[in-house]
Amino acid sequence: QVLVAESGGGLVQAGGSLTLSCVAYGTILSINSQGWYRQAPGKQRELVATIGSGGGTNYVDSVKGRFTISGNVDKNGHYDKNTVHLQMNSLKPEDTAVYYCNVQGERTIIPRAFDSWGQGIQVTVSS
């Protein structure tokens, strides 16, 4: 089983910044992609940003130039493939939503493929 845990949400004023973090743990062999999605009240869940195993990134137009998705490098310079961050700058009230982390990859046990979601974390931007 692969579990995903998000952290870093909260309340911030418009124009402020927050960093979300996502850690996947369990029987992980490899990770193919990690992504952040969000769902605002009364709206469908939408993709915010994704990062592939090769480092390629993709963003929804509304966050381009403000949000950055990145992997994690520890203090020893080692890349931690199980962790991903979402740096959110210049936040707007319309960014208010529950943010979900999604991780896809292969496990060390059968069935190999996994597609796991976190429980979601609230981000609220006040005007």
Foldseek 3Di string as FASTA:
>chain_A
DKAKAKDWADEEAAQAKIKMKMFIDDQADAWAKKFKWWDAPPGDIGTAKMAGPVGDMDGDPVQPPFKDKDFDADPVRRTDRRMMMIIGGRDDQVVWTWMKMWIWFAGPDPVTTDIYIHPTDTHGYHD
